[in-house]
Amino acid sequence: MIAWASADILDEVPDHPRVVANFARKYGGFDVTTESYSGPLVLLRLTITRWLLDGSAQ
């Protein structure tokens, strides 16, 4: 199964406290608001526009 999607970058992670809290809970306190070795983390909002099932558009 493959999905086609458009993506919006939400680069102000602290502006989304529910997401920050869910990451911390799921990953044992992981703080998504701190920078990683490769730079700041961003959130992506994906909007599925089409599903491809068994090689055909649905």
PDB file of N, CA and C in Angstrom:
ATOM      1  N   MET A   1       0.850  -1.160   0.000  1.00  0.00           N
ATOM      2  CA  MET A   1       0.000   0.000   0.000  1.00  0.00           C
ATOM      3  C   MET A   1       0.903   1.233   0.000  1.00  0.00           C
ATOM      4  N   ILE A   2       0.586   2.169  -0.835  1.00  0.00           N
ATOM      5  CA  ILE A   2       1.329   3.423  -0.949  1.00  0.00           C
ATOM      6  C   ILE A   2       0.340   4.572  -0.849  1.00  0.00           C
ATOM      7  N   ALA A   3       0.775   5.638  -0.212  1.00  0.00           N
ATOM      8  CA  ALA A   3      -0.083   6.826  -0.110  1.00  0.00           C
ATOM      9  C   ALA A   3       0.616   8.004  -0.758  1.00  0.00           C
ATOM     10  N   TRP A   4      -0.132   8.804  -1.485  1.00  0.00           N
ATOM     11  CA  TRP A   4       0.343  10.095  -1.963  1.00  0.00           C
ATOM     12  C   TRP A   4      -0.167  11.117  -0.972  1.00  0.00           C
ATOM     13  N   ALA A   5       0.657  12.087  -0.642  1.00  0.00           N
ATOM     14  CA  ALA A   5       0.256  13.067   0.366  1.00  0.00           C
ATOM     15  C   ALA A   5       0.909  14.411   0.085  1.00  0.00           C
ATOM     16  N   SER A   6       0.305  15.449   0.629  1.00  0.00           N
ATOM     17  CA  SER A   6       0.964  16.756   0.666  1.00  0.00           C
ATOM     18  C   SER A   6       1.452  16.941   2.104  1.00  0.00           C
ATOM     19  N   ALA A   7       2.523  17.717   2.261  1.00  0.00           N
ATOM     20  CA  ALA A   7       3.111  17.895   3.585  1.00  0.00           C
ATOM     21  C   ALA A   7       3.225  19.372   3.923  1.00  0.00           C
ATOM     22  N   ASP A   8       2.891  19.701   5.153  1.00  0.00           N
ATOM     23  CA  ASP A   8       3.102  21.037   5.704  1.00  0.00           C
ATOM     24  C   ASP A   8       4.135  20.908   6.804  1.00  0.00           C
ATOM     25  N   ILE A   9       5.141  21.779   6.794  1.00  0.00           N
ATOM     26  CA  ILE A   9       6.158  21.776   7.842  1.00  0.00           C
ATOM     27  C   ILE A   9       5.697  22.679   8.972  1.00  0.00           C
ATOM     28  N   LEU A  10       5.639  22.121  10.179  1.00  0.00           N
ATOM     29  CA  LEU A  10       5.272  22.866  11.375  1.00  0.00           C
ATOM     30  C   LEU A  10       6.552  23.017  12.189  1.00  0.00           C
ATOM     31  N   ASP A  11       7.339  24.062  11.894  1.00  0.00           N
ATOM     32  CA  ASP A  11       8.678  24.156  12.472  1.00  0.00           C
ATOM     33  C   ASP A  11       8.711  24.703  13.889  1.00  0.00           C
ATOM     34  N   GLU A  12       7.611  25.099  14.432  1.00  0.00           N
ATOM     35  CA  GLU A  12       7.557  25.565  15.825  1.00  0.00           C
ATOM     36  C   GLU A  12       6.985  24.459  16.701  1.00  0.00           C
ATOM     37  N   VAL A  13       7.814  23.448  16.969  1.00  0.00           N
ATOM     38  CA  VAL A  13       7.376  22.277  17.734  1.00  0.00           C
ATOM     39  C   VAL A  13       6.750  22.650  19.076  1.00  0.00           C
ATOM     40  N   PRO A  14       7.353  23.583  19.873  1.00  0.00           N
ATOM     41  CA  PRO A  14       6.758  23.900  21.177  1.00  0.00           C
ATOM     42  C   PRO A  14       5.336  24.469  21.094  1.00  0.00           C
ATOM     43  N   ASP A  15       4.929  24.939  19.907  1.00  0.00           N
ATOM     44  CA  ASP A  15       3.572  25.445  19.741  1.00  0.00           C
ATOM     45  C   ASP A  15       2.526  24.334  19.708  1.00  0.00           C
ATOM     46  N   HIS A  16       2.974  23.089  19.784  1.00  0.00           N
ATOM     47  CA  HIS A  16       2.065  21.942  19.724  1.00  0.00           C
ATOM     48  C   HIS A  16       2.280  21.066  20.966  1.00  0.00           C
ATOM     49  N   PRO A  17       1.837  21.550  22.149  1.00  0.00           N
ATOM     50  CA  PRO A  17       2.147  20.869  23.413  1.00  0.00           C
ATOM     51  C   PRO A  17       1.619  19.439  23.505  1.00  0.00           C
ATOM     52  N   ARG A  18       0.494  19.136  22.881  1.00  0.00           N
ATOM     53  CA  ARG A  18      -0.020  17.757  22.927  1.00  0.00           C
ATOM     54  C   ARG A  18       0.922  16.797  22.221  1.00  0.00           C
ATOM     55  N   VAL A  19       1.463  17.236  21.087  1.00  0.00           N
ATOM     56  CA  VAL A  19       2.397  16.388  20.343  1.00  0.00           C
ATOM     57  C   VAL A  19       3.667  16.176  21.155  1.00  0.00           C
ATOM     58  N   VAL A  20       4.189  17.260  21.757  1.00  0.00           N
ATOM     59  CA  VAL A  20       5.399  17.170  22.584  1.00  0.00           C
ATOM     60  C   VAL A  20       5.174  16.186  23.729  1.00  0.00           C
ATOM     61  N   ALA A  21       4.032  16.284  24.404  1.00  0.00           N
ATOM     62  CA  ALA A  21       3.721  15.393  25.527  1.00  0.00           C
ATOM     63  C   ALA A  21       3.568  13.943  25.072  1.00  0.00           C
ATOM     64  N   ASN A  22       2.938  13.726  23.924  1.00  0.00           N
ATOM     65  CA  ASN A  22       2.762  12.362  23.420  1.00  0.00           C
ATOM     66  C   ASN A  22       4.098  11.719  23.052  1.00  0.00           C
ATOM     67  N   PHE A  23       5.006  12.482  22.439  1.00  0.00           N
ATOM     68  CA  PHE A  23       6.335  11.943  22.139  1.00  0.00           C
ATOM     69  C   PHE A  23       7.058  11.572  23.431  1.00  0.00           C
ATOM     70  N   ALA A  24       6.993  12.448  24.432  1.00  0.00           N
ATOM     71  CA  ALA A  24       7.669  12.187  25.707  1.00  0.00           C
ATOM     72  C   ALA A  24       7.116  10.923  26.362  1.00  0.00           C
ATOM     73  N   ARG A  25       5.796  10.753  26.330  1.00  0.00           N
ATOM     74  CA  ARG A  25       5.179   9.577  26.941  1.00  0.00           C
ATOM     75  C   ARG A  25       5.541   8.307  26.161  1.00  0.00           C
ATOM     76  N   LYS A  26       5.455   8.366  24.848  1.00  0.00           N
ATOM     77  CA  LYS A  26       5.705   7.178  24.031  1.00  0.00           C
ATOM     78  C   LYS A  26       7.172   6.758  24.051  1.00  0.00           C
ATOM     79  N   TYR A  27       8.075   7.732  24.069  1.00  0.00           N
ATOM     80  CA  TYR A  27       9.505   7.424  23.951  1.00  0.00           C
ATOM     81  C   TYR A  27      10.279   7.689  25.238  1.00  0.00           C
ATOM     82  N   GLY A  28       9.642   7.477  26.387  1.00  0.00           N
ATOM     83  CA  GLY A  28      10.323   7.508  27.670  1.00  0.00           C
ATOM     84  C   GLY A  28      10.991   8.820  28.014  1.00  0.00           C
ATOM     85  N   GLY A  29      10.299   9.929  27.807  1.00  0.00           N
ATOM     86  CA  GLY A  29      10.825  11.230  28.183  1.00  0.00           C
ATOM     87  C   GLY A  29      11.559  11.966  27.075  1.00  0.00           C
ATOM     88  N   PHE A  30      11.599  11.392  25.862  1.00  0.00           N
ATOM     89  CA  PHE A  30      12.259  12.050  24.733  1.00  0.00           C
ATOM     90  C   PHE A  30      11.706  13.459  24.553  1.00  0.00           C
ATOM     91  N   ASP A  31      12.594  14.437  24.516  1.00  0.00           N
ATOM     92  CA  ASP A  31      12.183  15.843  24.407  1.00  0.00           C
ATOM     93  C   ASP A  31      12.361  16.324  22.967  1.00  0.00           C
ATOM     94  N   VAL A  32      11.254  16.418  22.230  1.00  0.00           N
ATOM     95  CA  VAL A  32      11.314  16.824  20.828  1.00  0.00           C
ATOM     96  C   VAL A  32      11.597  18.316  20.662  1.00  0.00           C
ATOM     97  N   THR A  33      11.635  19.059  21.760  1.00  0.00           N
ATOM     98  CA  THR A  33      11.893  20.502  21.644  1.00  0.00           C
ATOM     99  C   THR A  33      13.388  20.818  21.657  1.00  0.00           C
ATOM    100  N   THR A  34      14.242  19.837  21.937  1.00  0.00           N
ATOM    101  CA  THR A  34      15.689  20.077  21.925  1.00  0.00           C
ATOM    102  C   THR A  34      16.239  19.774  20.539  1.00  0.00           C
ATOM    103  N   GLU A  35      17.333  20.444  20.186  1.00  0.00           N
ATOM    104  CA  GLU A  35      17.932  20.208  18.881  1.00  0.00           C
ATOM    105  C   GLU A  35      18.704  18.896  18.875  1.00  0.00           C
ATOM    106  N   SER A  36      18.649  18.210  17.762  1.00  0.00           N
ATOM    107  CA  SER A  36      19.445  16.996  17.597  1.00  0.00           C
ATOM    108  C   SER A  36      20.798  17.390  17.004  1.00  0.00           C
ATOM    109  N   TYR A  37      21.664  16.423  16.823  1.00  0.00           N
ATOM    110  CA  TYR A  37      22.983  16.713  16.257  1.00  0.00           C
ATOM    111  C   TYR A  37      22.896  17.295  14.846  1.00  0.00           C
ATOM    112  N   SER A  38      21.785  17.055  14.155  1.00  0.00           N
ATOM    113  CA  SER A  38      21.644  17.546  12.785  1.00  0.00           C
ATOM    114  C   SER A  38      20.799  18.818  12.692  1.00  0.00           C
ATOM    115  N   GLY A  39      20.403  19.385  13.833  1.00  0.00           N
ATOM    116  CA  GLY A  39      19.634  20.624  13.834  1.00  0.00           C
ATOM    117  C   GLY A  39      18.298  20.459  14.522  1.00  0.00           C
ATOM    118  N   PRO A  40      17.467  21.497  14.466  1.00  0.00           N
ATOM    119  CA  PRO A  40      16.167  21.429  15.137  1.00  0.00           C
ATOM    120  C   PRO A  40      15.250  20.407  14.470  1.00  0.00           C
ATOM    121  N   LEU A  41      14.373  19.830  15.274  1.00  0.00           N
ATOM    122  CA  LEU A  41      13.373  18.908  14.757  1.00  0.00           C
ATOM    123  C   LEU A  41      12.164  19.704  14.281  1.00  0.00           C
ATOM    124  N   VAL A  42      11.458  19.182  13.314  1.00  0.00           N
ATOM    125  CA  VAL A  42      10.232  19.796  12.828  1.00  0.00           C
ATOM    126  C   VAL A  42       9.130  18.746  12.829  1.00  0.00           C
ATOM    127  N   LEU A  43       7.908  19.207  12.846  1.00  0.00           N
ATOM    128  CA  LEU A  43       6.763  18.320  12.688  1.00  0.00           C
ATOM    129  C   LEU A  43       6.263  18.446  11.257  1.00  0.00           C
ATOM    130  N   LEU A  44       5.802  17.345  10.711  1.00  0.00           N
ATOM    131  CA  LEU A  44       5.186  17.356   9.393  1.00  0.00           C
ATOM    132  C   LEU A  44       3.717  16.980   9.539  1.00  0.00           C
ATOM    133  N   ARG A  45       2.859  17.754   8.930  1.00  0.00           N
ATOM    134  CA  ARG A  45       1.430  17.395   8.855  1.00  0.00           C
ATOM    135  C   ARG A  45       1.217  16.846   7.457  1.00  0.00           C
ATOM    136  N   LEU A  46       0.887  15.562   7.384  1.00  0.00           N
ATOM    137  CA  LEU A  46       0.653  14.919   6.095  1.00  0.00           C
ATOM    138  C   LEU A  46      -0.836  14.812   5.834  1.00  0.00           C
ATOM    139  N   THR A  47      -1.239  15.217   4.655  1.00  0.00           N
ATOM    140  CA  THR A  47      -2.622  15.088   4.233  1.00  0.00           C
ATOM    141  C   THR A  47      -2.651  14.105   3.072  1.00  0.00           C
ATOM    142  N   ILE A  48      -3.232  12.940   3.308  1.00  0.00           N
ATOM    143  CA  ILE A  48      -3.291  11.902   2.282  1.00  0.00           C
ATOM    144  C   ILE A  48      -4.234  12.370   1.174  1.00  0.00           C
ATOM    145  N   THR A  49      -3.743  12.318  -0.058  1.00  0.00           N
ATOM    146  CA  THR A  49      -4.565  12.738  -1.195  1.00  0.00           C
ATOM    147  C   THR A  49      -5.006  11.555  -2.040  1.00  0.00           C
ATOM    148  N   ARG A  50      -4.269  10.448  -1.937  1.00  0.00           N
ATOM    149  CA  ARG A  50      -4.635   9.275  -2.725  1.00  0.00           C
ATOM    150  C   ARG A  50      -3.952   8.043  -2.153  1.00  0.00           C
ATOM    151  N   TRP A  51      -4.687   6.937  -2.112  1.00  0.00           N
ATOM    152  CA  TRP A  51      -4.128   5.651  -1.715  1.00  0.00           C
ATOM    153  C   TRP A  51      -3.916   4.813  -2.971  1.00  0.00           C
ATOM    154  N   LEU A  52      -2.797   4.130  -3.052  1.00  0.00           N
ATOM    155  CA  LEU A  52      -2.539   3.189  -4.133  1.00  0.00           C
ATOM    156  C   LEU A  52      -2.539   1.792  -3.519  1.00  0.00           C
ATOM    157  N   LEU A  53      -3.538   1.015  -3.879  1.00  0.00           N
ATOM    158  CA  LEU A  53      -3.678  -0.342  -3.359  1.00  0.00           C
ATOM    159  C   LEU A  53      -3.501  -1.316  -4.507  1.00  0.00           C
ATOM    160  N   ASP A  54      -2.626  -2.263  -4.346  1.00  0.00           N
ATOM    161  CA  ASP A  54      -2.376  -3.277  -5.391  1.00  0.00           C
ATOM    162  C   ASP A  54      -2.044  -2.635  -6.727  1.00  0.00           C
ATOM    163  N   GLY A  55      -1.347  -1.487  -6.698  1.00  0.00           N
ATOM    164  CA  GLY A  55      -0.891  -0.852  -7.926  1.00  0.00           C
ATOM    165  C   GLY A  55      -1.927  -0.017  -8.654  1.00  0.00           C
ATOM    166  N   SER A  56      -3.113   0.155  -8.067  1.00  0.00           N
ATOM    167  CA  SER A  56      -4.124   0.975  -8.735  1.00  0.00           C
ATOM    168  C   SER A  56      -4.614   2.057  -7.778  1.00  0.00           C
ATOM    169  N   ALA A  57      -4.917   3.233  -8.322  1.00  0.00           N
ATOM    170  CA  ALA A  57      -5.372   4.362  -7.499  1.00  0.00           C
ATOM    171  C   ALA A  57      -6.742   4.069  -6.927  1.00  0.00           C
ATOM    172  N   GLN A  58      -6.924   4.460  -5.656  1.00  0.00           N
ATOM    173  CA  GLN A  58      -8.213   4.274  -4.967  1.00  0.00           C
ATOM    174  C   GLN A  58      -8.735   5.621  -4.514  1.00  0.00           C
TER     175      GLN A  58
END
